[in-house]
Amino acid sequence: MLRASFIALALAGLASPAFATEWVNCTEPSGAASFDFLAGGVDVLSIAAITISVGDKVWASDVANGPGDPVELGQSFAGNGMILVDAVHQGVLVAELRLWQTPGADLPIYGGTLAIPGFGAWSVSCSGP
């Protein structure tokens, strides 16, 4: 009986939901600037990696995600149909991503603005989860 209980418990563990991560790619229509982030599949916004580009300038939170100057997640928020993400390096703001979800969409469709101090600001649309 103990063995059957152990097997049932092990199988229940295999049936638990997977916590997947997926890239959200936000790009200016001509491709001049982009902000990509690796979002975790949990109930709250969890960002595991960031890659930002404008022209030939690139920032990356991890060299595994591409070459570029170092960048870290400053702060992030998701709720009320919005996603707000700041990227920083050594306490200095590198980029601000402000997204809004399209109302009434079956799947989340996000668009908004990307601002990179010293480089400019753009409207962006996003693909991904």
N, C-alpha and C. Protein backbone atom coordinates (compact mmCIF):
# COMPACT_ATOMS: atom_id res chain seq x y z
N MET A 1 0.81 -1.18 0.00
CA MET A 1 0.00 0.00 0.00
C MET A 1 0.87 1.27 0.00
N LEU A 2 1.94 1.24 0.77
CA LEU A 2 2.85 2.37 0.83
C LEU A 2 3.49 2.61 -0.53
N ARG A 3 3.85 1.54 -1.21
CA ARG A 3 4.47 1.66 -2.54
C ARG A 3 3.49 2.29 -3.53
N ALA A 4 2.22 1.90 -3.49
CA ALA A 4 1.20 2.47 -4.38
C ALA A 4 1.02 3.96 -4.11
N SER A 5 1.04 4.35 -2.83
CA SER A 5 0.90 5.76 -2.48
C SER A 5 2.09 6.56 -3.00
N PHE A 6 3.29 6.01 -2.90
CA PHE A 6 4.50 6.67 -3.39
C PHE A 6 4.43 6.87 -4.90
N ILE A 7 4.00 5.85 -5.62
CA ILE A 7 3.89 5.94 -7.08
C ILE A 7 2.85 6.98 -7.48
N ALA A 8 1.71 7.01 -6.79
CA ALA A 8 0.66 7.99 -7.09
C ALA A 8 1.17 9.41 -6.85
N LEU A 9 1.91 9.61 -5.77
CA LEU A 9 2.47 10.92 -5.46
C LEU A 9 3.48 11.34 -6.52
N ALA A 10 4.32 10.43 -6.97
CA ALA A 10 5.31 10.72 -8.01
C ALA A 10 4.63 11.11 -9.32
N LEU A 11 3.58 10.39 -9.69
CA LEU A 11 2.86 10.69 -10.92
C LEU A 11 2.14 12.03 -10.83
N ALA A 12 1.62 12.37 -9.66
CA ALA A 12 0.97 13.67 -9.47
C ALA A 12 1.97 14.80 -9.67
N GLY A 13 3.19 14.60 -9.23
CA GLY A 13 4.23 15.60 -9.43
C GLY A 13 4.55 15.81 -10.89
N LEU A 14 4.50 14.74 -11.67
CA LEU A 14 4.75 14.86 -13.10
C LEU A 14 3.64 15.62 -13.81
N ALA A 15 2.45 15.63 -13.26
CA ALA A 15 1.32 16.29 -13.89
C ALA A 15 1.20 17.76 -13.52
N SER A 16 2.09 18.28 -12.68
CA SER A 16 2.00 19.68 -12.30
C SER A 16 2.34 20.57 -13.49
N PRO A 17 1.83 21.82 -13.52
CA PRO A 17 2.06 22.69 -14.67
C PRO A 17 3.53 23.05 -14.82
N ALA A 18 3.95 23.22 -16.06
CA ALA A 18 5.33 23.60 -16.35
C ALA A 18 5.46 25.12 -16.27
N PHE A 19 6.58 25.58 -15.82
CA PHE A 19 6.85 27.00 -15.78
C PHE A 19 7.76 27.34 -16.94
N ALA A 20 7.16 27.69 -18.08
CA ALA A 20 7.91 27.99 -19.29
C ALA A 20 8.28 29.47 -19.32
N THR A 21 9.31 29.79 -20.04
CA THR A 21 9.68 31.17 -20.30
C THR A 21 9.66 31.38 -21.80
N GLU A 22 9.26 32.58 -22.20
CA GLU A 22 9.22 32.91 -23.61
C GLU A 22 9.68 34.34 -23.81
N TRP A 23 10.30 34.59 -24.96
CA TRP A 23 10.75 35.93 -25.30
C TRP A 23 9.58 36.76 -25.79
N VAL A 24 9.50 37.99 -25.32
CA VAL A 24 8.59 39.00 -25.85
C VAL A 24 9.46 39.97 -26.62
N ASN A 25 9.17 40.14 -27.91
CA ASN A 25 9.98 40.98 -28.79
C ASN A 25 9.20 42.23 -29.15
N CYS A 26 9.69 43.39 -28.72
CA CYS A 26 9.05 44.68 -28.99
C CYS A 26 9.95 45.47 -29.93
N THR A 27 9.40 45.84 -31.08
CA THR A 27 10.22 46.45 -32.12
C THR A 27 9.52 47.67 -32.72
N GLU A 28 10.30 48.67 -33.04
CA GLU A 28 9.84 49.83 -33.78
C GLU A 28 9.60 49.35 -35.22
N PRO A 29 8.56 49.85 -35.92
CA PRO A 29 8.19 49.30 -37.24
C PRO A 29 9.32 49.16 -38.26
N SER A 30 10.27 50.09 -38.29
CA SER A 30 11.36 49.98 -39.27
C SER A 30 12.51 49.13 -38.76
N GLY A 31 12.46 48.70 -37.49
CA GLY A 31 13.52 47.89 -36.91
C GLY A 31 14.66 48.72 -36.33
N ALA A 32 14.47 50.05 -36.25
CA ALA A 32 15.54 50.92 -35.74
C ALA A 32 15.85 50.70 -34.27
N ALA A 33 14.86 50.27 -33.49
CA ALA A 33 15.06 50.06 -32.06
C ALA A 33 14.22 48.87 -31.60
N SER A 34 14.74 48.16 -30.59
CA SER A 34 13.98 47.02 -30.05
C SER A 34 14.29 46.83 -28.58
N PHE A 35 13.35 46.19 -27.89
CA PHE A 35 13.48 45.82 -26.48
C PHE A 35 12.87 44.44 -26.36
N ASP A 36 13.68 43.45 -26.08
CA ASP A 36 13.23 42.06 -25.95
C ASP A 36 13.45 41.63 -24.50
N PHE A 37 12.46 40.90 -23.96
CA PHE A 37 12.64 40.40 -22.60
C PHE A 37 12.11 38.98 -22.50
N LEU A 38 12.79 38.19 -21.68
CA LEU A 38 12.43 36.80 -21.44
C LEU A 38 11.52 36.77 -20.22
N ALA A 39 10.23 36.49 -20.47
CA ALA A 39 9.23 36.53 -19.41
C ALA A 39 8.92 35.12 -18.92
N GLY A 40 8.84 34.98 -17.61
CA GLY A 40 8.50 33.69 -17.01
C GLY A 40 7.01 33.44 -17.07
N GLY A 41 6.64 32.18 -17.07
CA GLY A 41 5.24 31.78 -17.17
C GLY A 41 4.60 31.58 -15.82
N VAL A 42 4.59 32.60 -14.99
CA VAL A 42 3.94 32.54 -13.69
C VAL A 42 2.87 33.63 -13.63
N ASP A 43 2.13 33.70 -12.53
CA ASP A 43 1.04 34.67 -12.42
C ASP A 43 1.50 36.12 -12.29
N VAL A 44 2.75 36.35 -11.96
CA VAL A 44 3.28 37.70 -11.87
C VAL A 44 4.38 37.87 -12.91
N LEU A 45 4.65 39.12 -13.29
CA LEU A 45 5.70 39.38 -14.28
C LEU A 45 7.05 39.02 -13.68
N SER A 46 7.74 38.11 -14.33
CA SER A 46 9.07 37.68 -13.92
C SER A 46 9.96 37.74 -15.15
N ILE A 47 10.92 38.66 -15.14
CA ILE A 47 11.80 38.85 -16.29
C ILE A 47 13.16 38.25 -15.99
N ALA A 48 13.57 37.31 -16.85
CA ALA A 48 14.83 36.60 -16.64
C ALA A 48 15.99 37.19 -17.43
N ALA A 49 15.69 37.89 -18.54
CA ALA A 49 16.76 38.43 -19.38
C ALA A 49 16.22 39.59 -20.21
N ILE A 50 17.12 40.49 -20.62
CA ILE A 50 16.77 41.67 -21.42
C ILE A 50 17.81 41.84 -22.51
N THR A 51 17.36 42.21 -23.71
CA THR A 51 18.24 42.62 -24.79
C THR A 51 17.63 43.87 -25.44
N ILE A 52 18.42 44.92 -25.60
CA ILE A 52 17.95 46.19 -26.14
C ILE A 52 18.88 46.58 -27.28
N SER A 53 18.31 47.16 -28.34
CA SER A 53 19.16 47.65 -29.43
C SER A 53 18.58 48.92 -30.03
N VAL A 54 19.48 49.78 -30.47
CA VAL A 54 19.13 50.97 -31.24
C VAL A 54 20.30 51.21 -32.19
N GLY A 55 20.02 51.15 -33.50
CA GLY A 55 21.10 51.25 -34.48
C GLY A 55 22.11 50.14 -34.25
N ASP A 56 23.39 50.52 -34.13
CA ASP A 56 24.45 49.54 -33.88
C ASP A 56 24.71 49.31 -32.39
N LYS A 57 24.04 50.05 -31.52
CA LYS A 57 24.24 49.96 -30.08
C LYS A 57 23.37 48.84 -29.51
N VAL A 58 23.96 47.97 -28.69
CA VAL A 58 23.24 46.83 -28.11
C VAL A 58 23.59 46.73 -26.63
N TRP A 59 22.56 46.39 -25.83
CA TRP A 59 22.73 46.07 -24.42
C TRP A 59 22.16 44.69 -24.19
N ALA A 60 22.79 43.91 -23.32
CA ALA A 60 22.27 42.57 -23.01
C ALA A 60 22.53 42.27 -21.54
N SER A 61 21.55 41.64 -20.90
CA SER A 61 21.70 41.29 -19.49
C SER A 61 22.56 40.06 -19.29
N ASP A 62 22.79 39.32 -20.36
CA ASP A 62 23.60 38.10 -20.28
C ASP A 62 24.25 37.87 -21.64
N VAL A 63 25.54 37.59 -21.66
CA VAL A 63 26.23 37.37 -22.93
C VAL A 63 25.67 36.16 -23.68
N ALA A 64 24.97 35.27 -22.98
CA ALA A 64 24.34 34.12 -23.64
C ALA A 64 23.22 34.58 -24.57
N ASN A 65 22.67 35.79 -24.33
CA ASN A 65 21.57 36.31 -25.15
C ASN A 65 22.06 37.24 -26.26
N GLY A 66 23.33 37.42 -26.35
CA GLY A 66 23.88 38.27 -27.40
C GLY A 66 24.95 39.19 -26.87
N PRO A 67 25.76 39.69 -27.78
CA PRO A 67 26.80 40.64 -27.37
C PRO A 67 26.16 41.98 -27.02
N GLY A 68 26.86 42.75 -26.24
CA GLY A 68 26.36 44.08 -25.91
C GLY A 68 26.87 44.56 -24.57
N ASP A 69 26.61 45.83 -24.32
CA ASP A 69 26.98 46.41 -23.03
C ASP A 69 26.07 45.84 -21.94
N PRO A 70 26.55 45.77 -20.71
CA PRO A 70 25.74 45.20 -19.63
C PRO A 70 24.51 46.03 -19.33
N VAL A 71 23.42 45.36 -18.96
CA VAL A 71 22.18 45.99 -18.55
C VAL A 71 21.49 45.07 -17.55
N GLU A 72 20.76 45.67 -16.62
CA GLU A 72 20.03 44.90 -15.63
C GLU A 72 18.58 45.36 -15.60
N LEU A 73 17.72 44.53 -15.05
CA LEU A 73 16.33 44.92 -14.84
C LEU A 73 16.28 45.91 -13.70
N GLY A 74 15.72 47.09 -13.97
CA GLY A 74 15.58 48.09 -12.93
C GLY A 74 14.32 47.86 -12.12
N GLN A 75 13.20 47.93 -12.78
CA GLN A 75 11.92 47.64 -12.15
C GLN A 75 10.96 47.19 -13.23
N SER A 76 9.92 46.46 -12.83
CA SER A 76 8.92 46.00 -13.78
C SER A 76 7.58 45.89 -13.08
N PHE A 77 6.52 46.05 -13.87
CA PHE A 77 5.16 45.99 -13.35
C PHE A 77 4.26 45.46 -14.45
N ALA A 78 3.33 44.60 -14.10
CA ALA A 78 2.30 44.13 -15.03
C ALA A 78 0.97 44.14 -14.31
N GLY A 79 -0.03 44.72 -14.94
CA GLY A 79 -1.36 44.74 -14.36
C GLY A 79 -2.22 45.78 -15.04
N ASN A 80 -3.54 45.62 -14.92
CA ASN A 80 -4.48 46.56 -15.52
C ASN A 80 -4.23 46.77 -17.01
N GLY A 81 -3.83 45.72 -17.71
CA GLY A 81 -3.60 45.82 -19.16
C GLY A 81 -2.31 46.52 -19.54
N MET A 82 -1.37 46.68 -18.59
CA MET A 82 -0.11 47.36 -18.87
C MET A 82 1.08 46.49 -18.47
N ILE A 83 2.19 46.73 -19.15
CA ILE A 83 3.49 46.19 -18.74
C ILE A 83 4.46 47.37 -18.79
N LEU A 84 5.15 47.60 -17.68
CA LEU A 84 6.14 48.67 -17.58
C LEU A 84 7.46 48.06 -17.17
N VAL A 85 8.52 48.32 -17.94
CA VAL A 85 9.82 47.75 -17.65
C VAL A 85 10.89 48.83 -17.80
N ASP A 86 11.77 48.94 -16.81
CA ASP A 86 12.93 49.82 -16.87
C ASP A 86 14.19 48.98 -16.87
N ALA A 87 15.13 49.34 -17.73
CA ALA A 87 16.44 48.70 -17.77
C ALA A 87 17.47 49.72 -17.30
N VAL A 88 18.41 49.28 -16.47
CA VAL A 88 19.42 50.17 -15.91
C VAL A 88 20.80 49.52 -16.01
N HIS A 89 21.81 50.36 -15.82
CA HIS A 89 23.17 49.85 -15.64
C HIS A 89 23.84 50.76 -14.62
N GLN A 90 24.30 50.17 -13.53
CA GLN A 90 24.94 50.87 -12.42
C GLN A 90 24.09 52.05 -11.95
N GLY A 91 22.78 51.81 -11.84
CA GLY A 91 21.87 52.83 -11.33
C GLY A 91 21.45 53.89 -12.33
N VAL A 92 21.93 53.81 -13.56
CA VAL A 92 21.58 54.80 -14.59
C VAL A 92 20.56 54.17 -15.54
N LEU A 93 19.48 54.91 -15.82
CA LEU A 93 18.44 54.42 -16.71
C LEU A 93 18.97 54.24 -18.13
N VAL A 94 18.79 53.04 -18.69
CA VAL A 94 19.20 52.74 -20.06
C VAL A 94 18.00 52.80 -21.00
N ALA A 95 16.85 52.25 -20.56
CA ALA A 95 15.67 52.23 -21.43
C ALA A 95 14.40 52.07 -20.60
N GLU A 96 13.31 52.64 -21.13
CA GLU A 96 11.98 52.51 -20.53
C GLU A 96 11.04 51.92 -21.57
N LEU A 97 10.38 50.83 -21.23
CA LEU A 97 9.40 50.20 -22.10
C LEU A 97 8.04 50.34 -21.42
N ARG A 98 7.08 50.93 -22.14
CA ARG A 98 5.72 51.12 -21.63
C ARG A 98 4.75 50.50 -22.62
N LEU A 99 4.06 49.45 -22.20
CA LEU A 99 3.16 48.72 -23.09
C LEU A 99 1.74 48.71 -22.57
N TRP A 100 0.79 48.70 -23.50
CA TRP A 100 -0.63 48.59 -23.18
C TRP A 100 -1.22 47.45 -24.00
N GLN A 101 -2.12 46.71 -23.38
CA GLN A 101 -2.77 45.59 -24.07
C GLN A 101 -3.96 46.11 -24.86
N THR A 102 -4.12 45.57 -26.08
CA THR A 102 -5.26 45.93 -26.91
C THR A 102 -6.54 45.42 -26.24
N PRO A 103 -7.50 46.30 -26.00
CA PRO A 103 -8.74 45.88 -25.33
C PRO A 103 -9.53 44.90 -26.19
N GLY A 104 -10.13 43.91 -25.54
CA GLY A 104 -11.01 42.97 -26.22
C GLY A 104 -10.31 41.91 -27.05
N ALA A 105 -8.99 41.87 -27.05
CA ALA A 105 -8.28 40.87 -27.85
C ALA A 105 -8.34 39.51 -27.15
N ASP A 106 -8.55 38.44 -27.94
CA ASP A 106 -8.55 37.09 -27.36
C ASP A 106 -7.18 36.73 -26.81
N LEU A 107 -6.15 37.04 -27.57
CA LEU A 107 -4.77 36.84 -27.13
C LEU A 107 -4.19 38.21 -26.82
N PRO A 108 -3.29 38.29 -25.85
CA PRO A 108 -2.71 39.60 -25.54
C PRO A 108 -1.93 40.16 -26.72
N ILE A 109 -2.30 41.37 -27.13
CA ILE A 109 -1.57 42.09 -28.17
C ILE A 109 -1.11 43.38 -27.52
N TYR A 110 0.20 43.60 -27.48
CA TYR A 110 0.75 44.76 -26.80
C TYR A 110 1.40 45.72 -27.78
N GLY A 111 1.25 47.00 -27.50
CA GLY A 111 1.92 48.07 -28.22
C GLY A 111 2.19 49.18 -27.23
N GLY A 112 3.12 50.06 -27.56
CA GLY A 112 3.43 51.14 -26.64
C GLY A 112 4.63 51.94 -27.09
N THR A 113 5.44 52.33 -26.12
CA THR A 113 6.59 53.17 -26.41
C THR A 113 7.87 52.60 -25.81
N LEU A 114 8.95 52.89 -26.47
CA LEU A 114 10.30 52.56 -26.00
C LEU A 114 11.08 53.86 -26.00
N ALA A 115 11.63 54.24 -24.87
CA ALA A 115 12.46 55.43 -24.77
C ALA A 115 13.85 55.02 -24.30
N ILE A 116 14.87 55.48 -25.03
CA ILE A 116 16.26 55.22 -24.67
C ILE A 116 16.94 56.59 -24.56
N PRO A 117 17.19 57.05 -23.32
CA PRO A 117 17.78 58.38 -23.14
C PRO A 117 19.06 58.56 -23.96
N GLY A 118 19.14 59.70 -24.65
CA GLY A 118 20.29 60.00 -25.48
C GLY A 118 20.17 59.46 -26.90
N PHE A 119 19.17 58.62 -27.15
CA PHE A 119 18.99 58.04 -28.48
C PHE A 119 17.64 58.39 -29.09
N GLY A 120 16.57 58.43 -28.29
CA GLY A 120 15.26 58.78 -28.81
C GLY A 120 14.14 57.97 -28.20
N ALA A 121 12.95 58.13 -28.79
CA ALA A 121 11.76 57.41 -28.35
C ALA A 121 11.00 56.94 -29.58
N TRP A 122 10.40 55.76 -29.47
CA TRP A 122 9.73 55.14 -30.61
C TRP A 122 8.43 54.48 -30.16
N SER A 123 7.49 54.35 -31.09
CA SER A 123 6.33 53.49 -30.83
C SER A 123 6.75 52.08 -31.22
N VAL A 124 6.32 51.11 -30.44
CA VAL A 124 6.69 49.72 -30.68
C VAL A 124 5.46 48.83 -30.64
N SER A 125 5.54 47.71 -31.33
CA SER A 125 4.55 46.66 -31.19
C SER A 125 5.32 45.39 -30.80
N CYS A 126 4.62 44.50 -30.13
CA CYS A 126 5.29 43.35 -29.55
C CYS A 126 4.70 42.03 -30.04
N SER A 127 5.55 41.04 -30.15
CA SER A 127 5.12 39.67 -30.43
C SER A 127 5.65 38.79 -29.31
N GLY A 128 4.93 37.75 -29.04
CA GLY A 128 5.30 36.85 -27.95
C GLY A 128 4.08 36.60 -27.09
N PRO A 129 4.28 35.96 -25.94
CA PRO A 129 3.13 35.59 -25.11
C PRO A 129 2.36 36.79 -24.58
